[in-house]
Structures are given as structure tokens and as C-alpha cells.
Amino acid sequence: MGSARRYSRLTRMTGGLAGAPVLWHGSGMSHSPSHPVTAAYDRRVADGAIKDDAAQRAVLPALDRLAAALARPHPASKPGGLLGRIFGAKANPPPDPSRRGIYLWGGVGRGKSMLMDLVMETAPLAEKRRVHFHEFMQEVQAGLNEARARGDQDVVRPVAEAIAARTRLFCFDEMQVTDIADAMIVGRLFQVLFDRGVVVVTTSNRVPEDLYKDGLNRQLFLPFIALIRDRMQVLHLESPRDHRQGRRAGGEVWFTPADAGAAEAMDEVWADLTGEAAPQPRELAVNGRSVTIPAAAARVARTDFEELCGRPLGPADYLAIAEAFDALLIDGIPTLGPANHDRAKRFVTLIDALYEAKVRLYASAAAEPEALYPTGTGAFEFERTASRLREMQAAGWGKAS
């Protein structure tokens, strides 16, 4: 499936309400379009889609302010900005404080993505995009390859300029930086976006100062942290509640331990989902390569952990799998840790792709999600994956539930 179609699945372009921001008072509902994000939040609470959360309410005024600012025309800035000042370029005038982007961080399951989506839904403009980090990096890498093929000396700028030319609001979900190459690409992109007047909203599990923590040559990343602080409002979502944990599990989708009983249960799931169809291998074309799924029937697939995460597959492969199937059965997920960290990183990327595409996941595993990666380097980052795995067990979750 083409990258443009994969991206369109995660891109959300909707209209919304406009108006000047006002303060929210008390615990009652607000329906005024003068604070559209709060009004949209109240509607979700009233509909029972979410539970009212004081910590989430605490950040709504900032989101309302931004939505209102986006309703006003704003010319693009001239090149410069913080990184430009650091490297000697001409400085910009101070940015309009009402149009500062937002960096929303906090623990897993606290509602960061939901709040960002409310900004997307209510921002009164058409030129807006919402994308997950892995999907974004796939688009960027494709653009960099095109720039190199043209012989461009600066391959990052044309990619960033293309984004800025069609985007006024860029929502960037689950920002995570794992190597210095990604760090430098994201930093350059953000600088050009800010210079062109694009408003950025991003979510993360980490405070900016903890991004790329303990990474190689981290001093090269520090100007990007300063850029975030300079051009974005950093908000901490301090809710003590993981909203994904409170959702009722619907049917068994996670079988532990991964023993003979779990294998038998997975066989029954396959029979139920496929009408006892005989499994056939399926070839998926990914960037000129072929990825083989050993067992598939219609839009249901079955494979084991080693097949998916023991091979050098990447985001493009997992996005193709998520696009091709509505339900995926994974056998034999082991306990993860520093000893199999590469496999764990691939598993995290896989779950992100399945989660964004609403693919229904069935699995046999050595432990419950929260105990899959108990200790060691990478355990903190895995908390978000465990929370998503728990949410994906909810009744009615996914396309094939």
C-alpha cells in the first residue's frame, strides 16, 4: 500500500469552531464557541466517551487560547529563529505569544493524544495535519531520498518547506527520539516550520530535557530542547489516572502464559475469525521489497513474535501489515529486556502501527503487558506500549472486534 494512503489514515482534516478564549470556571459544562476545546471536551464527558479529569481540565485554557489564535490570520515569519541565532543567522522578531505551539507531556494513558485531537477537531482552518512519529519519519525519509536524488546540498530544508507550504497546524503525536540522526532531522524540521509560521502541537511521555536522555553526542541535541522551550508552551499533564487501565476488557484477546493451552485458544480465535479457513502465506510489497506473512485469510493474519520482531523489519513493514489486516494473531511474545532490546524496539514500533490503524490484536505471551519488560534500559519507554496493549484489549476496540 502506498505511503500516501498510509499517511491519509493518520491525517485528520476537519473544520471546527472559532472565537476568542475565555477562562473556564467551576465544574459545569461549557457550550460557548469562545472556548471550543473546552466545549468539545465537555461534550465528550456528557456523552460518556471520557471521564472528567481535573488534570486534563487544567490544560484546556491553553488549548483554547491556541485554537482561538489559529482563527486569526497570521503571516509566515522570516527565516531565523533560535537555531538561526545560535549559528549566526538573522534573528526573527519575538514570536506572537498567543501562537506558541504546545508540547504536552505526561505519563502513559493520561489523555495527551485525546487532547491533541480536540485541538485538531476544533482549530478553524483546513491546513492542518496529525501524524504519529513513525509515520512522520517515513514521510521525511522518502522526502530526503528525493532531495538527494535531485542533488540538493541541503536535503532537509525542501522537505520542511513542503510541509510548511500546506500546513498551518502540525500535530505530532508521541514524540520520541532514539538516535542522533533522528534528533537532527526533527530539529531542523521544527526550525523551518517555526520560521514559516507553522504552529506545532506535540505529545510526549518525557519532559523536553529528558528527550534523547543519555544518547550519544547528546550535546548536539541540546539546541533543539532550547528551541522547544523558546517556541512552545510546555505543559505537564499530571493526572494520576491511566484512563486506558479503567476500560473493561471484552473477551479474551491476551493469553498467558504462552503454553499449549494458549496455543489452543489462539487456534480457536483463528477459527472464529476466519470461519475455519485454511491459512495461506501472504506477500506484502514494501518499498520494492517483499514481506511474507506466513498465515493469512482475507484480512486476518497469524504469525509468531520471532517472525515479526526477530527479523530486521522497520516502520514501513509494520505500517504495511497494519494496512493489510484488520486482525493480527501473534504467538509466543517473550519477556523483554536489555538482552533482547532490538526485538523489544521492533515490538514497540509494531504495536504503535497496529494501535494507530485500529488493528485488533490477539496474542499469547509470557506475561501480562505491564510485566513484559519489567526492568532495565528501555523499561520506561515500554510503559506506553504496555498501556496501549491494555487499551487494545477493551471490548469493541479495533476494526475486527
Protein backbone atom coordinates (compact mmCIF):
# COMPACT_ATOMS: atom_id res chain seq x y z
CA MET A 1 0.00 0.00 0.00
CA GLY A 2 1.42 3.42 -0.91
CA SER A 3 2.88 5.73 1.70
CA ALA A 4 0.40 8.47 0.80
CA ARG A 5 -2.53 6.20 1.57
CA ARG A 6 -0.92 5.06 4.82
CA TYR A 7 -0.39 8.66 5.81
CA SER A 8 -4.00 9.59 4.97
CA ARG A 9 -5.16 7.08 7.56
CA LEU A 10 -3.48 9.12 10.29
CA THR A 11 -4.09 12.57 8.83
CA ARG A 12 -7.23 14.24 10.12
CA MET A 13 -8.56 17.33 8.38
CA THR A 14 -11.73 18.72 9.91
CA GLY A 15 -13.45 22.03 10.48
CA GLY A 16 -14.27 23.48 13.87
CA LEU A 17 -15.37 26.37 15.99
CA ALA A 18 -13.62 29.71 16.31
CA GLY A 19 -13.62 32.51 18.80
CA ALA A 20 -11.73 34.39 21.50
CA PRO A 21 -10.53 32.49 24.55
CA VAL A 22 -12.21 32.85 27.93
CA LEU A 23 -11.43 31.26 31.27
CA TRP A 24 -13.24 28.09 32.32
CA HIS A 25 -14.87 28.41 35.73
CA GLY A 26 -16.17 25.71 38.03
CA SER A 27 -17.12 22.14 37.18
CA GLY A 28 -20.10 22.81 34.96
CA MET A 29 -20.27 22.26 31.22
CA SER A 30 -19.34 24.95 28.71
CA HIS A 31 -21.03 25.17 25.32
CA SER A 32 -19.72 28.54 24.15
CA PRO A 33 -17.72 28.56 20.92
CA SER A 34 -15.47 31.18 22.55
CA HIS A 35 -13.53 28.30 24.11
CA PRO A 36 -14.03 25.47 21.59
CA VAL A 37 -11.64 22.88 23.03
CA THR A 38 -13.31 23.05 26.42
CA ALA A 39 -16.73 22.82 24.78
CA ALA A 40 -15.65 19.75 22.81
CA TYR A 41 -14.21 18.19 25.98
CA ASP A 42 -17.49 18.83 27.81
CA ARG A 43 -19.43 17.13 25.03
CA ARG A 44 -17.28 14.02 25.31
CA VAL A 45 -17.77 13.94 29.07
CA ALA A 46 -21.55 14.35 28.66
CA ASP A 47 -21.65 11.59 26.04
CA GLY A 48 -19.77 9.23 28.35
CA ALA A 49 -16.86 8.92 25.91
CA ILE A 50 -14.36 10.09 28.55
CA LYS A 51 -14.28 10.67 32.30
CA ASP A 52 -13.90 14.19 33.61
CA ASP A 53 -10.32 14.70 34.78
CA ALA A 54 -9.10 17.71 36.75
CA ALA A 55 -5.59 17.47 35.31
CA GLN A 56 -6.93 17.46 31.77
CA ARG A 57 -9.15 20.43 32.57
CA ALA A 58 -6.13 22.33 33.85
CA VAL A 59 -4.55 22.40 30.37
CA LEU A 60 -7.76 23.24 28.44
CA PRO A 61 -7.36 27.06 28.73
CA ALA A 62 -4.02 26.86 26.91
CA LEU A 63 -5.57 24.72 24.19
CA ASP A 64 -8.49 27.16 23.88
CA ARG A 65 -6.03 30.03 23.56
CA LEU A 66 -4.26 28.29 20.72
CA ALA A 67 -7.47 27.37 18.88
CA ALA A 68 -8.61 31.00 19.10
CA ALA A 69 -5.24 32.29 17.87
CA LEU A 70 -5.42 29.98 14.86
CA ALA A 71 -8.67 31.67 13.84
CA ARG A 72 -6.78 34.89 13.19
CA PRO A 73 -4.72 35.44 10.02
CA HIS A 74 -1.02 35.33 10.65
CA PRO A 75 1.73 35.88 8.06
CA ALA A 76 4.66 33.48 7.95
CA SER A 77 7.80 34.56 9.74
CA LYS A 78 11.11 35.24 8.05
CA PRO A 79 13.93 32.70 8.34
CA GLY A 80 15.91 32.80 11.55
CA GLY A 81 14.69 31.63 14.93
CA LEU A 82 16.62 30.28 17.88
CA LEU A 83 18.80 27.82 15.99
CA GLY A 84 19.45 30.51 13.41
CA ARG A 85 20.64 32.83 16.18
CA ILE A 86 22.86 30.09 17.58
CA PHE A 87 24.52 29.59 14.20
CA GLY A 88 24.69 33.27 13.32
CA ALA A 89 21.66 33.77 11.07
CA LYS A 90 19.50 36.88 11.17
CA ALA A 91 17.17 36.82 14.16
CA ASN A 92 13.40 36.99 14.00
CA PRO A 93 11.25 39.39 15.98
CA PRO A 94 9.85 37.72 19.11
CA PRO A 95 7.08 35.27 18.15
CA ASP A 96 3.46 36.09 18.91
CA PRO A 97 2.91 34.55 22.38
CA SER A 98 -0.70 33.63 21.53
CA ARG A 99 0.52 31.45 18.65
CA ARG A 100 3.16 29.48 20.52
CA GLY A 101 2.85 25.78 19.93
CA ILE A 102 2.27 23.29 22.72
CA TYR A 103 4.46 20.47 24.00
CA LEU A 104 2.16 18.27 26.12
CA TRP A 105 3.91 15.65 28.20
CA GLY A 106 2.94 13.20 30.92
CA GLY A 107 2.60 9.53 31.80
CA VAL A 108 1.05 6.91 29.59
CA GLY A 109 -2.73 6.79 29.29
CA ARG A 110 -3.28 10.29 30.69
CA GLY A 111 -5.15 11.58 27.64
CA LYS A 112 -2.45 13.53 25.81
CA SER A 113 -3.38 12.26 22.35
CA MET A 114 -7.08 12.80 23.03
CA LEU A 115 -6.46 16.43 23.99
CA MET A 116 -4.31 17.00 20.93
CA ASP A 117 -7.08 15.54 18.78
CA LEU A 118 -9.51 18.05 20.28
CA VAL A 119 -7.22 20.85 19.07
CA MET A 120 -7.24 19.26 15.62
CA GLU A 121 -11.02 18.96 15.59
CA THR A 122 -11.73 22.50 16.75
CA ALA A 123 -8.98 24.50 15.06
CA PRO A 124 -10.88 26.62 12.48
CA LEU A 125 -8.67 26.01 9.46
CA ALA A 126 -8.23 23.38 6.78
CA GLU A 127 -4.44 23.36 6.54
CA LYS A 128 -3.75 21.03 9.45
CA ARG A 129 -2.18 17.63 9.86
CA ARG A 130 -2.00 14.99 12.58
CA VAL A 131 0.61 12.24 12.36
CA HIS A 132 2.36 9.71 14.58
CA PHE A 133 6.14 9.86 14.91
CA HIS A 134 6.82 6.65 12.96
CA GLU A 135 4.55 7.66 10.09
CA PHE A 136 6.11 11.12 10.03
CA MET A 137 9.63 9.75 9.84
CA GLN A 138 8.65 7.52 6.92
CA GLU A 139 7.41 10.56 5.01
CA VAL A 140 10.51 12.54 5.91
CA GLN A 141 12.90 9.79 4.84
CA ALA A 142 11.11 9.50 1.49
CA GLY A 143 11.46 13.25 1.01
CA LEU A 144 15.15 13.17 1.94
CA ASN A 145 15.77 10.44 -0.61
CA GLU A 146 14.09 12.53 -3.31
CA ALA A 147 16.19 15.56 -2.38
CA ARG A 148 19.38 13.51 -2.55
CA ALA A 149 18.37 12.16 -5.96
CA ARG A 150 17.98 15.74 -7.18
CA GLY A 151 21.43 16.56 -5.88
CA ASP A 152 20.24 19.10 -3.30
CA GLN A 153 23.00 20.19 -0.95
CA ASP A 154 20.57 20.79 1.92
CA VAL A 155 18.22 17.81 1.82
CA VAL A 156 16.23 18.67 4.96
CA ARG A 157 15.05 22.17 4.01
CA PRO A 158 12.99 21.21 0.92
CA VAL A 159 11.17 18.54 2.93
CA ALA A 160 10.39 21.04 5.69
CA GLU A 161 9.38 23.73 3.19
CA ALA A 162 6.97 21.32 1.50
CA ILE A 163 5.31 20.58 4.86
CA ALA A 164 5.11 24.28 5.73
CA ALA A 165 3.63 25.18 2.34
CA ARG A 166 0.50 23.13 3.01
CA THR A 167 0.27 23.20 6.81
CA ARG A 168 -0.62 25.87 9.38
CA LEU A 169 -1.18 23.46 12.28
CA PHE A 170 1.01 20.38 12.64
CA CYS A 171 0.06 17.87 15.37
CA PHE A 172 2.85 15.44 16.08
CA ASP A 173 1.85 12.53 18.36
CA GLU A 174 4.12 10.51 20.66
CA MET A 175 7.40 12.29 20.01
CA GLN A 176 10.32 10.04 20.83
CA VAL A 177 13.97 10.39 19.85
CA THR A 178 16.20 7.33 19.93
CA ASP A 179 19.24 8.30 17.85
CA ILE A 180 21.10 11.46 16.94
CA ALA A 181 20.22 11.22 13.22
CA ASP A 182 16.51 11.48 14.01
CA ALA A 183 17.27 14.20 16.55
CA MET A 184 19.00 16.38 13.95
CA ILE A 185 16.28 15.81 11.33
CA VAL A 186 13.46 16.70 13.72
CA GLY A 187 15.32 19.77 14.99
CA ARG A 188 15.93 21.14 11.50
CA LEU A 189 12.32 20.47 10.50
CA PHE A 190 10.88 22.19 13.54
CA GLN A 191 13.12 25.22 12.97
CA VAL A 192 11.88 25.70 9.40
CA LEU A 193 8.27 25.09 10.43
CA PHE A 194 8.51 27.72 13.15
CA ASP A 195 10.21 30.15 10.77
CA ARG A 196 7.36 29.71 8.29
CA GLY A 197 4.68 30.39 10.90
CA VAL A 198 3.51 26.79 11.36
CA VAL A 199 2.06 26.10 14.81
CA VAL A 200 3.23 22.78 16.25
CA VAL A 201 1.44 20.71 18.89
CA THR A 202 3.25 17.59 20.07
CA THR A 203 2.77 14.98 22.78
CA SER A 204 5.46 13.04 24.61
CA ASN A 205 5.97 10.86 27.65
CA ARG A 206 9.03 12.89 28.61
CA VAL A 207 9.75 16.46 29.67
CA PRO A 208 11.83 18.11 26.90
CA GLU A 209 15.02 17.95 28.99
CA ASP A 210 14.71 14.15 29.11
CA LEU A 211 14.43 13.67 25.34
CA TYR A 212 17.29 11.58 23.94
CA LYS A 213 18.46 11.12 27.51
CA ASP A 214 21.95 9.58 27.79
CA GLY A 215 22.17 9.48 23.99
CA LEU A 216 25.42 9.54 22.05
CA ASN A 217 26.70 13.09 21.43
CA ARG A 218 23.68 14.45 23.28
CA GLN A 219 25.22 17.92 23.42
CA LEU A 220 24.34 18.23 19.72
CA PHE A 221 20.68 17.77 20.66
CA LEU A 222 20.56 20.46 23.36
CA PRO A 223 19.80 23.36 20.93
CA PHE A 224 16.59 21.55 19.94
CA ILE A 225 15.50 21.38 23.58
CA ALA A 226 16.15 25.11 23.85
CA LEU A 227 14.12 25.63 20.67
CA ILE A 228 11.17 23.76 22.17
CA ARG A 229 11.31 25.90 25.30
CA ASP A 230 11.60 29.09 23.23
CA ARG A 231 8.85 28.45 20.70
CA MET A 232 6.39 26.16 22.51
CA GLN A 233 4.44 26.21 25.75
CA VAL A 234 5.45 23.14 27.74
CA LEU A 235 2.51 21.67 29.66
CA HIS A 236 2.68 18.77 32.11
CA LEU A 237 -0.43 16.59 32.23
CA GLU A 238 -0.19 15.48 35.85
CA SER A 239 -3.18 13.17 36.10
CA PRO A 240 -2.66 10.23 38.49
CA ARG A 241 -5.10 8.14 36.42
CA ASP A 242 -4.22 5.87 33.47
CA HIS A 243 -7.51 6.08 31.57
CA ARG A 244 -6.68 3.03 29.47
CA GLN A 245 -6.48 0.81 32.55
CA GLY A 246 -10.07 1.52 33.53
CA ARG A 247 -11.65 0.22 30.35
CA ARG A 248 -13.44 -3.09 30.59
CA ALA A 249 -11.77 -5.99 28.80
CA GLY A 250 -14.04 -7.56 26.20
CA GLY A 251 -13.49 -11.26 25.60
CA GLU A 252 -10.08 -12.85 25.85
CA VAL A 253 -7.50 -11.49 23.46
CA TRP A 254 -4.34 -11.90 25.56
CA PHE A 255 -3.42 -15.43 26.63
CA THR A 256 -0.72 -16.04 29.23
CA PRO A 257 1.47 -17.93 29.76
CA ALA A 258 2.32 -18.86 26.18
CA ASP A 259 1.81 -22.58 26.72
CA ALA A 260 -0.15 -25.33 25.00
CA GLY A 261 -3.40 -24.00 26.41
CA ALA A 262 -2.70 -20.57 24.95
CA ALA A 263 -1.88 -22.10 21.56
CA GLU A 264 -5.18 -23.96 21.60
CA ALA A 265 -7.03 -20.75 22.48
CA MET A 266 -5.29 -18.94 19.61
CA ASP A 267 -6.35 -21.75 17.25
CA GLU A 268 -9.94 -21.17 18.34
CA VAL A 269 -9.62 -17.42 17.74
CA TRP A 270 -8.33 -18.10 14.22
CA ALA A 271 -11.22 -20.48 13.52
CA ASP A 272 -13.78 -17.95 14.79
CA LEU A 273 -12.36 -15.01 12.85
CA THR A 274 -11.81 -16.85 9.56
CA GLY A 275 -14.64 -19.37 9.55
CA GLU A 276 -12.02 -22.12 9.87
CA ALA A 277 -10.34 -21.02 6.65
CA ALA A 278 -7.07 -22.70 5.72
CA PRO A 279 -4.19 -20.27 6.28
CA GLN A 280 -2.20 -19.19 3.23
CA PRO A 281 1.02 -17.16 3.08
CA ARG A 282 0.62 -13.53 2.02
CA GLU A 283 3.27 -11.38 0.31
CA LEU A 284 3.24 -7.64 1.06
CA ALA A 285 5.16 -5.24 -1.17
CA VAL A 286 7.07 -2.65 0.87
CA ASN A 287 9.35 -0.12 -0.83
CA GLY A 288 10.38 -2.56 -3.53
CA ARG A 289 10.80 -5.46 -1.09
CA SER A 290 8.54 -8.35 -0.14
CA VAL A 291 7.45 -9.10 3.43
CA THR A 292 5.93 -12.55 3.93
CA ILE A 293 3.12 -13.18 6.41
CA PRO A 294 3.08 -16.97 6.92
CA ALA A 295 -0.65 -17.38 7.62
CA ALA A 296 -3.45 -15.17 6.29
CA ALA A 297 -7.11 -15.45 5.35
CA ALA A 298 -8.92 -12.41 3.98
CA ARG A 299 -7.97 -9.58 6.39
CA VAL A 300 -6.85 -11.81 9.28
CA ALA A 301 -3.20 -12.76 9.77
CA ARG A 302 -1.30 -15.02 12.14
CA THR A 303 2.42 -15.17 12.84
CA ASP A 304 4.80 -15.51 15.76
CA PHE A 305 6.88 -12.97 17.61
CA GLU A 306 10.19 -14.06 16.09
CA GLU A 307 8.80 -13.78 12.57
CA LEU A 308 7.74 -10.17 13.20
CA CYS A 309 10.40 -8.89 15.59
CA GLY A 310 13.34 -11.25 15.24
CA ARG A 311 13.99 -10.07 11.67
CA PRO A 312 15.27 -6.60 10.69
CA LEU A 313 11.85 -5.15 9.88
CA GLY A 314 11.12 -1.46 10.29
CA PRO A 315 8.28 1.06 10.48
CA ALA A 316 7.40 0.76 6.78
CA ASP A 317 6.97 -3.00 7.11
CA TYR A 318 4.76 -2.71 10.18
CA LEU A 319 2.67 0.03 8.60
CA ALA A 320 2.09 -2.22 5.58
CA ILE A 321 0.95 -5.04 7.88
CA ALA A 322 -1.39 -2.70 9.72
CA GLU A 323 -2.84 -1.52 6.41
CA ALA A 324 -3.35 -5.03 5.05
CA PHE A 325 -5.14 -6.64 8.01
CA ASP A 326 -7.96 -5.91 10.44
CA ALA A 327 -6.88 -8.56 12.96
CA LEU A 328 -3.45 -9.95 13.81
CA LEU A 329 -2.65 -13.01 15.92
CA ILE A 330 0.86 -13.12 17.41
CA ASP A 331 2.11 -16.31 19.08
CA GLY A 332 4.85 -16.53 21.67
CA ILE A 333 5.63 -13.00 22.85
CA PRO A 334 8.52 -13.47 25.31
CA THR A 335 9.59 -11.48 28.33
CA LEU A 336 11.56 -8.49 27.06
CA GLY A 337 14.55 -6.61 28.40
CA PRO A 338 18.06 -5.35 27.63
CA ALA A 339 19.12 -8.82 26.44
CA ASN A 340 16.67 -8.68 23.51
CA HIS A 341 16.38 -4.90 23.26
CA ASP A 342 16.40 -4.84 19.44
CA ARG A 343 13.42 -7.17 19.34
CA ALA A 344 11.71 -5.09 22.00
CA LYS A 345 12.20 -1.89 19.97
CA ARG A 346 10.69 -3.55 16.90
CA PHE A 347 7.77 -4.77 19.00
CA VAL A 348 7.14 -1.22 20.24
CA THR A 349 7.14 0.05 16.65
CA LEU A 350 4.79 -2.75 15.60
CA ILE A 351 2.30 -2.01 18.39
CA ASP A 352 2.34 1.71 17.51
CA ALA A 353 1.42 0.86 13.92
CA LEU A 354 -1.34 -1.57 14.96
CA TYR A 355 -2.71 0.88 17.52
CA GLU A 356 -2.93 3.80 15.10
CA ALA A 357 -4.60 1.62 12.45
CA LYS A 358 -7.05 0.10 14.97
CA VAL A 359 -5.94 -3.44 14.17
CA ARG A 360 -7.42 -5.97 16.60
CA LEU A 361 -4.59 -7.83 18.34
CA TYR A 362 -4.73 -11.35 19.76
CA ALA A 363 -1.61 -12.73 21.42
CA SER A 364 -0.10 -15.47 23.53
CA ALA A 365 2.59 -14.05 25.79
CA ALA A 366 4.90 -14.90 28.64
CA ALA A 367 3.32 -12.27 30.88
CA GLU A 368 0.69 -9.55 31.11
CA PRO A 369 1.57 -6.34 29.23
CA GLU A 370 2.78 -4.49 32.34
CA ALA A 371 5.17 -7.34 33.18
CA LEU A 372 6.59 -7.94 29.69
CA TYR A 373 9.50 -5.52 30.13
CA PRO A 374 9.94 -5.32 33.91
CA THR A 375 13.40 -3.79 34.38
CA GLY A 376 16.46 -2.39 32.67
CA THR A 377 17.16 0.14 29.94
CA GLY A 378 14.03 0.63 27.88
CA ALA A 379 11.56 -0.29 30.64
CA PHE A 380 10.37 3.32 31.00
CA GLU A 381 9.70 3.67 27.27
CA PHE A 382 7.84 0.35 27.27
CA GLU A 383 5.27 1.63 29.78
CA ARG A 384 3.47 3.43 26.94
CA THR A 385 3.38 0.22 24.88
CA ALA A 386 2.03 -1.76 27.85
CA SER A 387 -0.68 0.84 28.34
CA ARG A 388 -1.63 0.63 24.66
CA LEU A 389 -1.70 -3.15 24.78
CA ARG A 390 -4.07 -2.94 27.74
CA GLU A 391 -6.31 -0.47 25.91
CA MET A 392 -6.37 -2.70 22.83
CA GLN A 393 -7.97 -5.45 24.94
CA ALA A 394 -11.10 -3.36 25.55
CA ALA A 395 -14.49 -4.54 24.34
CA GLY A 396 -15.27 -3.15 20.90
CA TRP A 397 -11.72 -1.91 20.26
CA GLY A 398 -10.44 -2.23 16.71
CA LYS A 399 -11.82 -2.87 13.26
CA ALA A 400 -12.38 -6.61 13.68
CA SER A 401 -14.00 -6.71 17.12
